[in-house]
Amino acid sequence: MTLSMSGHRREARLWRQPGPVHYDRFAIRSEPGAISSRAMLAPGRNLVEAIADVVSRSVDGAHKSAAIVLVGGELEHCVFCLADRDRSGRTVATYTPMKSWPGVQIVDGSATFGRSVTGELLVHCHAWFSDLQGNVGGGHLDPHKSIVGRNGLTVRVTQFAEIELQQTPDAETNHAVFMPIEPMGPAQ
């Protein structure tokens, strides 16, 4: 079987995760109390700070978990990487070295807002973008080093009232991934 990607033919690959197969891969939760809104991320802030500001205004001033769509706008500074095969075999994929592009326009993207393994605020973000010369890029954004541009960044936020997302170690992938957890009381 071959796939055509930009005129190039490539053989399809089957990648297997290194750990035991987790048959309940998808955790589905219903959230009748979710609130969706459109917001503008503040210029000059990194993505973690800017998203935390928007999320904290949405539900009782608390930092609740959220799903975010990047609708459009700019990043003054975009730091990103791509997925690459992990040659060590510890995981299927790892990250390439970080790249840095100044002044990009966001074409499309999504982010998840929750807590890290240690309980700190965490944003996991993927986006497509273009620079002033029309070069198109995309990948996994470093949310601490990617800075919202002077005209802001429009997002659509779906904030959860009851579901909390926390980065959790996953034996199948050997990565820490966002998973819904039982509420642990008020978020800070």
N, C-alpha and C. Protein backbone atom coordinates (compact mmCIF):
# COMPACT_ATOMS: atom_id res chain seq x y z
N MET A 1 0.85 -1.17 0.00
CA MET A 1 0.00 0.00 0.00
C MET A 1 0.89 1.24 0.00
N THR A 2 0.59 2.20 -0.86
CA THR A 2 1.36 3.44 -0.89
C THR A 2 0.44 4.62 -0.66
N LEU A 3 1.01 5.65 -0.13
CA LEU A 3 0.29 6.90 0.11
C LEU A 3 0.95 8.00 -0.70
N SER A 4 0.17 8.91 -1.22
CA SER A 4 0.71 10.03 -1.95
C SER A 4 0.69 11.25 -1.04
N MET A 5 1.84 11.83 -0.83
CA MET A 5 1.95 13.02 0.00
C MET A 5 2.74 14.05 -0.80
N SER A 6 2.07 15.08 -1.25
CA SER A 6 2.72 16.13 -2.04
C SER A 6 3.45 15.57 -3.25
N GLY A 7 2.84 14.58 -3.92
CA GLY A 7 3.44 14.02 -5.11
C GLY A 7 4.47 12.93 -4.85
N HIS A 8 4.79 12.69 -3.59
CA HIS A 8 5.75 11.64 -3.25
C HIS A 8 5.01 10.39 -2.81
N ARG A 9 5.51 9.25 -3.21
CA ARG A 9 4.89 7.99 -2.81
C ARG A 9 5.67 7.43 -1.63
N ARG A 10 4.94 7.04 -0.61
CA ARG A 10 5.57 6.47 0.57
C ARG A 10 4.84 5.21 0.97
N GLU A 11 5.58 4.27 1.47
CA GLU A 11 4.97 3.05 1.98
C GLU A 11 4.31 3.35 3.33
N ALA A 12 3.11 2.83 3.52
CA ALA A 12 2.43 2.98 4.80
C ALA A 12 3.20 2.21 5.86
N ARG A 13 3.26 2.77 7.06
CA ARG A 13 3.98 2.11 8.16
C ARG A 13 3.02 1.82 9.28
N LEU A 14 3.26 0.75 9.97
CA LEU A 14 2.50 0.43 11.16
C LEU A 14 3.45 0.60 12.34
N TRP A 15 3.12 1.54 13.20
CA TRP A 15 3.94 1.76 14.38
C TRP A 15 3.25 1.12 15.56
N ARG A 16 3.97 0.39 16.35
CA ARG A 16 3.42 -0.25 17.54
C ARG A 16 4.00 0.43 18.77
N GLN A 17 3.13 0.73 19.72
CA GLN A 17 3.57 1.32 20.98
C GLN A 17 4.40 0.29 21.73
N PRO A 18 5.35 0.73 22.57
CA PRO A 18 6.25 -0.21 23.23
C PRO A 18 5.63 -0.96 24.41
N GLY A 19 4.57 -0.42 25.03
CA GLY A 19 4.01 -1.04 26.22
C GLY A 19 2.82 -1.93 25.94
N PRO A 20 2.24 -2.49 27.00
CA PRO A 20 1.08 -3.35 26.83
C PRO A 20 -0.10 -2.58 26.24
N VAL A 21 -0.85 -3.22 25.36
CA VAL A 21 -1.96 -2.57 24.68
C VAL A 21 -3.04 -2.19 25.70
N HIS A 22 -3.44 -0.96 25.65
CA HIS A 22 -4.49 -0.44 26.53
C HIS A 22 -5.78 -0.42 25.71
N TYR A 23 -6.63 -1.41 25.90
CA TYR A 23 -7.81 -1.57 25.05
C TYR A 23 -8.84 -0.48 25.24
N ASP A 24 -8.84 0.19 26.37
CA ASP A 24 -9.75 1.32 26.60
C ASP A 24 -9.02 2.62 26.29
N ARG A 25 -8.48 2.73 25.08
CA ARG A 25 -7.66 3.88 24.70
C ARG A 25 -8.40 5.21 24.85
N PHE A 26 -9.68 5.24 24.52
CA PHE A 26 -10.44 6.48 24.57
C PHE A 26 -11.25 6.55 25.85
N ALA A 27 -11.07 7.63 26.60
CA ALA A 27 -11.86 7.87 27.81
C ALA A 27 -12.90 8.92 27.44
N ILE A 28 -14.16 8.52 27.43
CA ILE A 28 -15.23 9.42 27.02
C ILE A 28 -16.01 9.86 28.25
N ARG A 29 -16.16 11.16 28.39
CA ARG A 29 -16.92 11.72 29.50
C ARG A 29 -17.93 12.71 28.93
N SER A 30 -19.09 12.79 29.58
CA SER A 30 -20.12 13.75 29.20
C SER A 30 -20.01 14.96 30.13
N GLU A 31 -20.17 16.15 29.57
CA GLU A 31 -20.03 17.37 30.36
C GLU A 31 -21.17 18.33 30.07
N PRO A 32 -22.34 18.14 30.70
CA PRO A 32 -23.47 19.02 30.43
C PRO A 32 -23.23 20.46 30.90
N GLY A 33 -22.29 20.66 31.81
CA GLY A 33 -22.02 22.00 32.33
C GLY A 33 -20.93 22.76 31.60
N ALA A 34 -20.45 22.21 30.48
CA ALA A 34 -19.39 22.89 29.73
C ALA A 34 -19.88 24.23 29.19
N ILE A 35 -18.98 25.19 29.18
CA ILE A 35 -19.29 26.53 28.69
C ILE A 35 -18.36 26.84 27.52
N SER A 36 -18.94 27.20 26.36
CA SER A 36 -18.14 27.57 25.20
C SER A 36 -18.23 29.07 24.97
N SER A 37 -17.11 29.66 24.65
CA SER A 37 -17.08 31.09 24.39
C SER A 37 -15.92 31.41 23.45
N ARG A 38 -15.99 32.59 22.87
CA ARG A 38 -14.93 33.08 21.99
C ARG A 38 -14.18 34.14 22.79
N ALA A 39 -12.87 34.13 22.70
CA ALA A 39 -12.07 35.07 23.48
C ALA A 39 -10.84 35.50 22.69
N MET A 40 -10.22 36.57 23.14
CA MET A 40 -8.99 37.08 22.54
C MET A 40 -7.87 36.90 23.56
N LEU A 41 -6.82 36.17 23.18
CA LEU A 41 -5.67 36.03 24.07
C LEU A 41 -4.87 37.33 24.05
N ALA A 42 -4.42 37.73 25.22
CA ALA A 42 -3.73 39.01 25.39
C ALA A 42 -2.35 39.03 24.73
N PRO A 43 -2.03 40.11 24.04
CA PRO A 43 -0.71 40.26 23.42
C PRO A 43 0.40 40.25 24.47
N GLY A 44 1.57 39.74 24.06
CA GLY A 44 2.75 39.78 24.91
C GLY A 44 2.84 38.68 25.94
N ARG A 45 1.84 37.85 26.05
CA ARG A 45 1.84 36.76 27.04
C ARG A 45 2.20 35.45 26.35
N ASN A 46 2.82 34.54 27.08
CA ASN A 46 3.03 33.22 26.48
C ASN A 46 1.69 32.48 26.48
N LEU A 47 1.60 31.38 25.74
CA LEU A 47 0.31 30.69 25.58
C LEU A 47 -0.24 30.16 26.91
N VAL A 48 0.62 29.69 27.80
CA VAL A 48 0.12 29.20 29.09
C VAL A 48 -0.53 30.34 29.87
N GLU A 49 0.16 31.47 29.99
CA GLU A 49 -0.38 32.62 30.73
C GLU A 49 -1.64 33.17 30.08
N ALA A 50 -1.60 33.33 28.76
CA ALA A 50 -2.74 33.92 28.05
C ALA A 50 -3.98 33.03 28.14
N ILE A 51 -3.80 31.72 27.97
CA ILE A 51 -4.94 30.81 28.06
C ILE A 51 -5.43 30.73 29.50
N ALA A 52 -4.53 30.68 30.47
CA ALA A 52 -4.93 30.66 31.88
C ALA A 52 -5.75 31.89 32.23
N ASP A 53 -5.38 33.06 31.69
CA ASP A 53 -6.14 34.30 31.94
C ASP A 53 -7.57 34.16 31.43
N VAL A 54 -7.74 33.63 30.23
CA VAL A 54 -9.07 33.48 29.63
C VAL A 54 -9.88 32.43 30.39
N VAL A 55 -9.26 31.31 30.71
CA VAL A 55 -9.97 30.24 31.40
C VAL A 55 -10.38 30.67 32.81
N SER A 56 -9.55 31.42 33.50
CA SER A 56 -9.88 31.81 34.87
C SER A 56 -11.07 32.77 34.92
N ARG A 57 -11.35 33.47 33.83
CA ARG A 57 -12.49 34.39 33.79
C ARG A 57 -13.80 33.67 33.50
N SER A 58 -13.72 32.42 33.02
CA SER A 58 -14.91 31.75 32.52
C SER A 58 -15.77 31.08 33.58
N VAL A 59 -15.18 30.41 34.56
CA VAL A 59 -15.95 29.68 35.55
C VAL A 59 -15.44 30.01 36.95
N ASP A 60 -16.11 30.89 37.63
CA ASP A 60 -15.83 31.18 39.03
C ASP A 60 -14.37 31.56 39.32
N GLY A 61 -13.65 32.06 38.35
CA GLY A 61 -12.27 32.48 38.57
C GLY A 61 -11.29 31.35 38.78
N ALA A 62 -11.74 30.11 38.61
CA ALA A 62 -10.86 28.95 38.81
C ALA A 62 -10.24 28.51 37.49
N HIS A 63 -9.07 27.91 37.56
CA HIS A 63 -8.44 27.35 36.37
C HIS A 63 -8.99 25.95 36.14
N LYS A 64 -10.04 25.86 35.36
CA LYS A 64 -10.63 24.57 35.03
C LYS A 64 -10.05 24.08 33.71
N SER A 65 -10.18 22.80 33.45
CA SER A 65 -9.69 22.22 32.20
C SER A 65 -10.52 22.72 31.03
N ALA A 66 -9.91 22.75 29.84
CA ALA A 66 -10.60 23.28 28.67
C ALA A 66 -10.03 22.70 27.38
N ALA A 67 -10.88 22.68 26.36
CA ALA A 67 -10.48 22.37 24.99
C ALA A 67 -10.53 23.69 24.22
N ILE A 68 -9.52 23.97 23.44
CA ILE A 68 -9.38 25.27 22.80
C ILE A 68 -9.12 25.10 21.31
N VAL A 69 -9.78 25.92 20.50
CA VAL A 69 -9.52 25.98 19.06
C VAL A 69 -8.86 27.33 18.78
N LEU A 70 -7.73 27.32 18.10
CA LEU A 70 -7.08 28.57 17.69
C LEU A 70 -7.75 29.00 16.39
N VAL A 71 -8.50 30.09 16.45
CA VAL A 71 -9.29 30.53 15.31
C VAL A 71 -8.45 31.37 14.35
N GLY A 72 -7.63 32.25 14.87
CA GLY A 72 -6.78 33.09 14.02
C GLY A 72 -6.16 34.20 14.82
N GLY A 73 -5.12 34.76 14.28
CA GLY A 73 -4.40 35.83 14.96
C GLY A 73 -2.92 35.61 14.75
N GLU A 74 -2.13 36.16 15.68
CA GLU A 74 -0.70 36.09 15.45
C GLU A 74 0.08 35.73 16.71
N LEU A 75 1.24 35.17 16.46
CA LEU A 75 2.22 34.95 17.51
C LEU A 75 3.42 35.81 17.18
N GLU A 76 3.86 36.58 18.14
CA GLU A 76 5.07 37.40 17.98
C GLU A 76 6.28 36.48 17.80
N HIS A 77 6.22 35.37 18.51
CA HIS A 77 7.31 34.41 18.49
C HIS A 77 6.69 33.03 18.58
N CYS A 78 7.05 32.13 17.67
CA CYS A 78 6.50 30.77 17.64
C CYS A 78 7.64 29.77 17.77
N VAL A 79 7.62 29.00 18.85
CA VAL A 79 8.62 27.97 19.07
C VAL A 79 7.90 26.63 18.96
N PHE A 80 8.40 25.75 18.09
CA PHE A 80 7.68 24.52 17.81
C PHE A 80 8.64 23.39 17.46
N CYS A 81 8.10 22.18 17.45
CA CYS A 81 8.85 21.01 17.02
C CYS A 81 7.90 20.06 16.31
N LEU A 82 8.44 19.00 15.77
CA LEU A 82 7.66 17.98 15.07
C LEU A 82 7.85 16.64 15.76
N ALA A 83 7.00 15.70 15.42
CA ALA A 83 7.18 14.34 15.93
C ALA A 83 8.22 13.63 15.07
N ASP A 84 8.98 12.77 15.69
CA ASP A 84 9.99 11.99 14.99
C ASP A 84 10.03 10.61 15.63
N ARG A 85 10.44 9.62 14.87
CA ARG A 85 10.56 8.26 15.40
C ARG A 85 11.62 8.27 16.51
N ASP A 86 11.28 7.62 17.62
CA ASP A 86 12.22 7.49 18.73
C ASP A 86 13.12 6.29 18.45
N ARG A 87 14.34 6.56 18.10
CA ARG A 87 15.26 5.50 17.73
C ARG A 87 15.72 4.65 18.92
N SER A 88 15.48 5.15 20.14
CA SER A 88 15.86 4.38 21.32
C SER A 88 14.90 3.21 21.57
N GLY A 89 13.68 3.30 21.03
CA GLY A 89 12.68 2.26 21.24
C GLY A 89 11.89 2.43 22.52
N ARG A 90 12.23 3.42 23.35
CA ARG A 90 11.49 3.65 24.60
C ARG A 90 10.06 4.07 24.32
N THR A 91 9.88 4.87 23.26
CA THR A 91 8.56 5.31 22.80
C THR A 91 8.52 5.15 21.29
N VAL A 92 7.34 5.28 20.70
CA VAL A 92 7.25 5.23 19.24
C VAL A 92 7.74 6.55 18.66
N ALA A 93 7.32 7.64 19.27
CA ALA A 93 7.67 8.95 18.75
C ALA A 93 8.26 9.82 19.85
N THR A 94 9.08 10.74 19.42
CA THR A 94 9.66 11.74 20.31
C THR A 94 9.62 13.07 19.57
N TYR A 95 10.18 14.09 20.12
CA TYR A 95 10.16 15.41 19.48
C TYR A 95 11.49 15.72 18.82
N THR A 96 11.41 16.46 17.71
CA THR A 96 12.62 16.97 17.06
C THR A 96 13.12 18.15 17.89
N PRO A 97 14.32 18.64 17.60
CA PRO A 97 14.78 19.87 18.26
C PRO A 97 13.81 21.02 17.94
N MET A 98 13.69 21.95 18.86
CA MET A 98 12.79 23.10 18.70
C MET A 98 13.28 24.02 17.58
N LYS A 99 12.30 24.58 16.85
CA LYS A 99 12.55 25.59 15.83
C LYS A 99 11.89 26.88 16.31
N SER A 100 12.36 27.99 15.84
CA SER A 100 11.81 29.27 16.26
C SER A 100 11.54 30.15 15.04
N TRP A 101 10.29 30.60 14.90
CA TRP A 101 9.92 31.51 13.82
C TRP A 101 9.36 32.79 14.44
N PRO A 102 9.86 33.94 14.04
CA PRO A 102 9.27 35.19 14.52
C PRO A 102 8.06 35.57 13.66
N GLY A 103 7.10 36.26 14.25
CA GLY A 103 5.98 36.84 13.52
C GLY A 103 5.19 35.91 12.64
N VAL A 104 4.39 35.02 13.22
CA VAL A 104 3.58 34.11 12.40
C VAL A 104 2.10 34.41 12.56
N GLN A 105 1.35 34.10 11.50
CA GLN A 105 -0.11 34.14 11.52
C GLN A 105 -0.62 32.73 11.75
N ILE A 106 -1.51 32.56 12.71
CA ILE A 106 -2.09 31.25 12.96
C ILE A 106 -3.13 30.97 11.89
N VAL A 107 -3.02 29.81 11.27
CA VAL A 107 -3.99 29.37 10.26
C VAL A 107 -5.07 28.54 10.95
N ASP A 108 -4.66 27.65 11.83
CA ASP A 108 -5.58 26.75 12.51
C ASP A 108 -4.81 26.07 13.63
N GLY A 109 -5.51 25.62 14.64
CA GLY A 109 -4.83 24.89 15.69
C GLY A 109 -5.78 24.48 16.80
N SER A 110 -5.25 23.68 17.71
CA SER A 110 -6.04 23.28 18.86
C SER A 110 -5.12 23.13 20.06
N ALA A 111 -5.71 23.23 21.23
CA ALA A 111 -4.94 23.11 22.47
C ALA A 111 -5.81 22.47 23.53
N THR A 112 -5.15 21.86 24.49
CA THR A 112 -5.81 21.32 25.66
C THR A 112 -5.20 21.99 26.87
N PHE A 113 -6.04 22.40 27.80
CA PHE A 113 -5.59 23.10 29.01
C PHE A 113 -5.95 22.24 30.21
N GLY A 114 -4.97 21.93 31.03
CA GLY A 114 -5.20 21.13 32.22
C GLY A 114 -4.03 21.27 33.17
N ARG A 115 -3.72 20.18 33.84
CA ARG A 115 -2.63 20.16 34.82
C ARG A 115 -1.57 19.15 34.41
N SER A 116 -0.32 19.47 34.75
CA SER A 116 0.79 18.56 34.49
C SER A 116 0.79 17.43 35.52
N VAL A 117 1.69 16.49 35.36
CA VAL A 117 1.85 15.40 36.31
C VAL A 117 2.06 15.94 37.72
N THR A 118 2.75 17.08 37.83
CA THR A 118 3.04 17.68 39.14
C THR A 118 1.98 18.67 39.60
N GLY A 119 0.92 18.86 38.79
CA GLY A 119 -0.17 19.74 39.19
C GLY A 119 -0.08 21.17 38.68
N GLU A 120 0.96 21.49 37.93
CA GLU A 120 1.08 22.84 37.37
C GLU A 120 0.19 23.00 36.15
N LEU A 121 -0.19 24.25 35.83
CA LEU A 121 -0.99 24.52 34.63
C LEU A 121 -0.20 24.07 33.40
N LEU A 122 -0.91 23.41 32.46
CA LEU A 122 -0.25 22.87 31.29
C LEU A 122 -1.11 23.09 30.05
N VAL A 123 -0.48 23.49 28.96
CA VAL A 123 -1.13 23.63 27.66
C VAL A 123 -0.41 22.70 26.69
N HIS A 124 -1.18 21.87 25.99
CA HIS A 124 -0.65 21.03 24.91
C HIS A 124 -1.26 21.58 23.63
N CYS A 125 -0.43 22.06 22.72
CA CYS A 125 -0.93 22.81 21.56
C CYS A 125 -0.26 22.37 20.27
N HIS A 126 -1.10 22.19 19.24
CA HIS A 126 -0.63 21.93 17.88
C HIS A 126 -1.25 22.99 16.98
N ALA A 127 -0.49 23.49 16.01
CA ALA A 127 -1.03 24.53 15.14
C ALA A 127 -0.34 24.54 13.78
N TRP A 128 -1.06 25.11 12.80
CA TRP A 128 -0.53 25.45 11.49
C TRP A 128 -0.38 26.96 11.47
N PHE A 129 0.66 27.46 10.81
CA PHE A 129 0.90 28.89 10.79
C PHE A 129 1.71 29.25 9.55
N SER A 130 1.76 30.56 9.25
CA SER A 130 2.58 31.03 8.13
C SER A 130 3.35 32.27 8.58
N ASP A 131 4.54 32.45 8.00
CA ASP A 131 5.33 33.62 8.34
C ASP A 131 5.07 34.74 7.33
N LEU A 132 5.74 35.86 7.48
CA LEU A 132 5.52 37.03 6.62
C LEU A 132 5.90 36.76 5.17
N GLN A 133 6.77 35.78 4.92
CA GLN A 133 7.17 35.46 3.55
C GLN A 133 6.26 34.41 2.92
N GLY A 134 5.24 33.95 3.66
CA GLY A 134 4.31 32.97 3.13
C GLY A 134 4.72 31.52 3.35
N ASN A 135 5.81 31.30 4.08
CA ASN A 135 6.21 29.93 4.40
C ASN A 135 5.23 29.35 5.40
N VAL A 136 4.80 28.12 5.17
CA VAL A 136 3.84 27.47 6.05
C VAL A 136 4.57 26.47 6.92
N GLY A 137 4.23 26.47 8.19
CA GLY A 137 4.82 25.53 9.14
C GLY A 137 3.74 24.99 10.04
N GLY A 138 4.11 24.07 10.85
CA GLY A 138 3.17 23.51 11.80
C GLY A 138 3.85 22.54 12.72
N GLY A 139 3.19 22.23 13.81
CA GLY A 139 3.74 21.26 14.73
C GLY A 139 3.24 21.47 16.13
N HIS A 140 4.00 20.94 17.06
CA HIS A 140 3.72 21.01 18.48
C HIS A 140 4.36 22.29 19.02
N LEU A 141 3.56 23.23 19.53
CA LEU A 141 4.09 24.50 20.02
C LEU A 141 4.59 24.38 21.45
N ASP A 142 5.69 25.07 21.74
CA ASP A 142 6.16 25.20 23.11
C ASP A 142 5.34 26.33 23.72
N PRO A 143 4.39 26.02 24.60
CA PRO A 143 3.47 27.04 25.10
C PRO A 143 4.10 28.05 26.05
N HIS A 144 5.29 27.74 26.59
CA HIS A 144 5.97 28.68 27.47
C HIS A 144 6.79 29.69 26.68
N LYS A 145 7.20 29.33 25.47
CA LYS A 145 8.07 30.20 24.67
C LYS A 145 7.36 30.83 23.47
N SER A 146 6.15 30.38 23.15
CA SER A 146 5.38 30.97 22.05
C SER A 146 4.58 32.13 22.62
N ILE A 147 4.80 33.32 22.05
CA ILE A 147 4.26 34.57 22.60
C ILE A 147 3.19 35.15 21.68
N VAL A 148 2.04 35.51 22.26
CA VAL A 148 0.93 36.10 21.49
C VAL A 148 1.37 37.44 20.92
N GLY A 149 1.07 37.67 19.64
CA GLY A 149 1.44 38.90 18.93
C GLY A 149 0.62 40.11 19.34
N ARG A 150 1.00 41.27 18.85
CA ARG A 150 0.40 42.54 19.29
C ARG A 150 -1.08 42.68 18.94
N ASN A 151 -1.57 41.95 17.93
CA ASN A 151 -2.99 42.01 17.60
C ASN A 151 -3.79 40.88 18.23
N GLY A 152 -3.16 40.10 19.10
CA GLY A 152 -3.86 39.06 19.84
C GLY A 152 -4.07 37.79 19.03
N LEU A 153 -4.73 36.85 19.67
CA LEU A 153 -5.01 35.55 19.08
C LEU A 153 -6.42 35.16 19.49
N THR A 154 -7.30 35.00 18.51
CA THR A 154 -8.69 34.64 18.79
C THR A 154 -8.78 33.13 18.99
N VAL A 155 -9.49 32.74 20.06
CA VAL A 155 -9.67 31.33 20.38
C VAL A 155 -11.14 31.06 20.70
N ARG A 156 -11.52 29.80 20.52
CA ARG A 156 -12.83 29.32 20.99
C ARG A 156 -12.52 28.35 22.12
N VAL A 157 -13.05 28.64 23.30
CA VAL A 157 -12.74 27.87 24.50
C VAL A 157 -13.99 27.11 24.94
N THR A 158 -13.84 25.81 25.14
CA THR A 158 -14.89 25.03 25.79
C THR A 158 -14.32 24.61 27.12
N GLN A 159 -14.84 25.25 28.16
CA GLN A 159 -14.34 25.03 29.51
C GLN A 159 -15.25 24.06 30.25
N PHE A 160 -14.64 23.11 30.93
CA PHE A 160 -15.38 22.09 31.63
C PHE A 160 -15.68 22.53 33.07
N ALA A 161 -16.88 22.25 33.53
CA ALA A 161 -17.26 22.57 34.90
C ALA A 161 -16.89 21.44 35.85
N GLU A 162 -16.95 20.20 35.36
CA GLU A 162 -16.72 19.05 36.24
C GLU A 162 -15.52 18.20 35.85
N ILE A 163 -15.23 18.09 34.58
CA ILE A 163 -14.13 17.23 34.14
C ILE A 163 -12.80 17.94 34.34
N GLU A 164 -11.87 17.23 34.95
CA GLU A 164 -10.51 17.75 35.10
C GLU A 164 -9.57 16.89 34.27
N LEU A 165 -8.73 17.55 33.50
CA LEU A 165 -7.74 16.85 32.69
C LEU A 165 -6.38 16.99 33.35
N GLN A 166 -5.70 15.87 33.50
CA GLN A 166 -4.36 15.91 34.09
C GLN A 166 -3.45 14.99 33.29
N GLN A 167 -2.23 15.46 33.10
CA GLN A 167 -1.22 14.67 32.43
C GLN A 167 -0.93 13.46 33.33
N THR A 168 -1.04 12.27 32.74
CA THR A 168 -0.93 11.03 33.49
C THR A 168 0.02 10.09 32.77
N PRO A 169 0.94 9.43 33.48
CA PRO A 169 1.82 8.46 32.82
C PRO A 169 1.00 7.35 32.16
N ASP A 170 1.38 6.97 30.94
CA ASP A 170 0.67 5.95 30.18
C ASP A 170 1.65 4.83 29.84
N ALA A 171 1.39 3.62 30.35
CA ALA A 171 2.30 2.49 30.18
C ALA A 171 2.42 2.05 28.72
N GLU A 172 1.36 2.21 27.94
CA GLU A 172 1.40 1.75 26.55
C GLU A 172 2.35 2.60 25.70
N THR A 173 2.29 3.92 25.87
CA THR A 173 3.09 4.82 25.04
C THR A 173 4.41 5.25 25.69
N ASN A 174 4.53 5.08 26.99
CA ASN A 174 5.66 5.61 27.76
C ASN A 174 5.74 7.13 27.70
N HIS A 175 4.59 7.77 27.46
CA HIS A 175 4.47 9.22 27.52
C HIS A 175 3.49 9.56 28.64
N ALA A 176 3.50 10.79 29.10
CA ALA A 176 2.45 11.27 29.98
C ALA A 176 1.43 11.96 29.07
N VAL A 177 0.16 11.58 29.17
CA VAL A 177 -0.89 12.11 28.30
C VAL A 177 -2.02 12.68 29.14
N PHE A 178 -2.77 13.62 28.56
CA PHE A 178 -3.94 14.17 29.25
C PHE A 178 -5.01 13.09 29.37
N MET A 179 -5.54 12.93 30.57
CA MET A 179 -6.63 11.99 30.83
C MET A 179 -7.61 12.66 31.79
N PRO A 180 -8.90 12.35 31.67
CA PRO A 180 -9.85 12.87 32.67
C PRO A 180 -9.61 12.17 34.00
N ILE A 181 -9.63 12.93 35.07
CA ILE A 181 -9.43 12.36 36.40
C ILE A 181 -10.64 12.72 37.26
N GLU A 182 -10.78 12.04 38.36
CA GLU A 182 -11.86 12.37 39.29
C GLU A 182 -11.55 13.73 39.89
N PRO A 183 -12.57 14.60 40.04
CA PRO A 183 -12.32 15.93 40.62
C PRO A 183 -11.65 15.81 41.99
N MET A 184 -10.64 16.64 42.19
CA MET A 184 -9.88 16.60 43.43
C MET A 184 -10.16 17.85 44.27
N GLY A 185 -11.29 18.46 44.10
CA GLY A 185 -11.58 19.68 44.85
C GLY A 185 -11.29 20.90 44.00
N PRO A 186 -11.42 22.10 44.58
CA PRO A 186 -11.26 23.35 43.81
C PRO A 186 -9.86 23.47 43.23
N ALA A 187 -9.80 23.84 41.94
CA ALA A 187 -8.51 24.11 41.29
C ALA A 187 -8.03 25.47 41.71
N GLN A 188 -6.74 25.68 41.61
CA GLN A 188 -6.17 26.96 42.02
C GLN A 188 -5.89 27.83 40.84
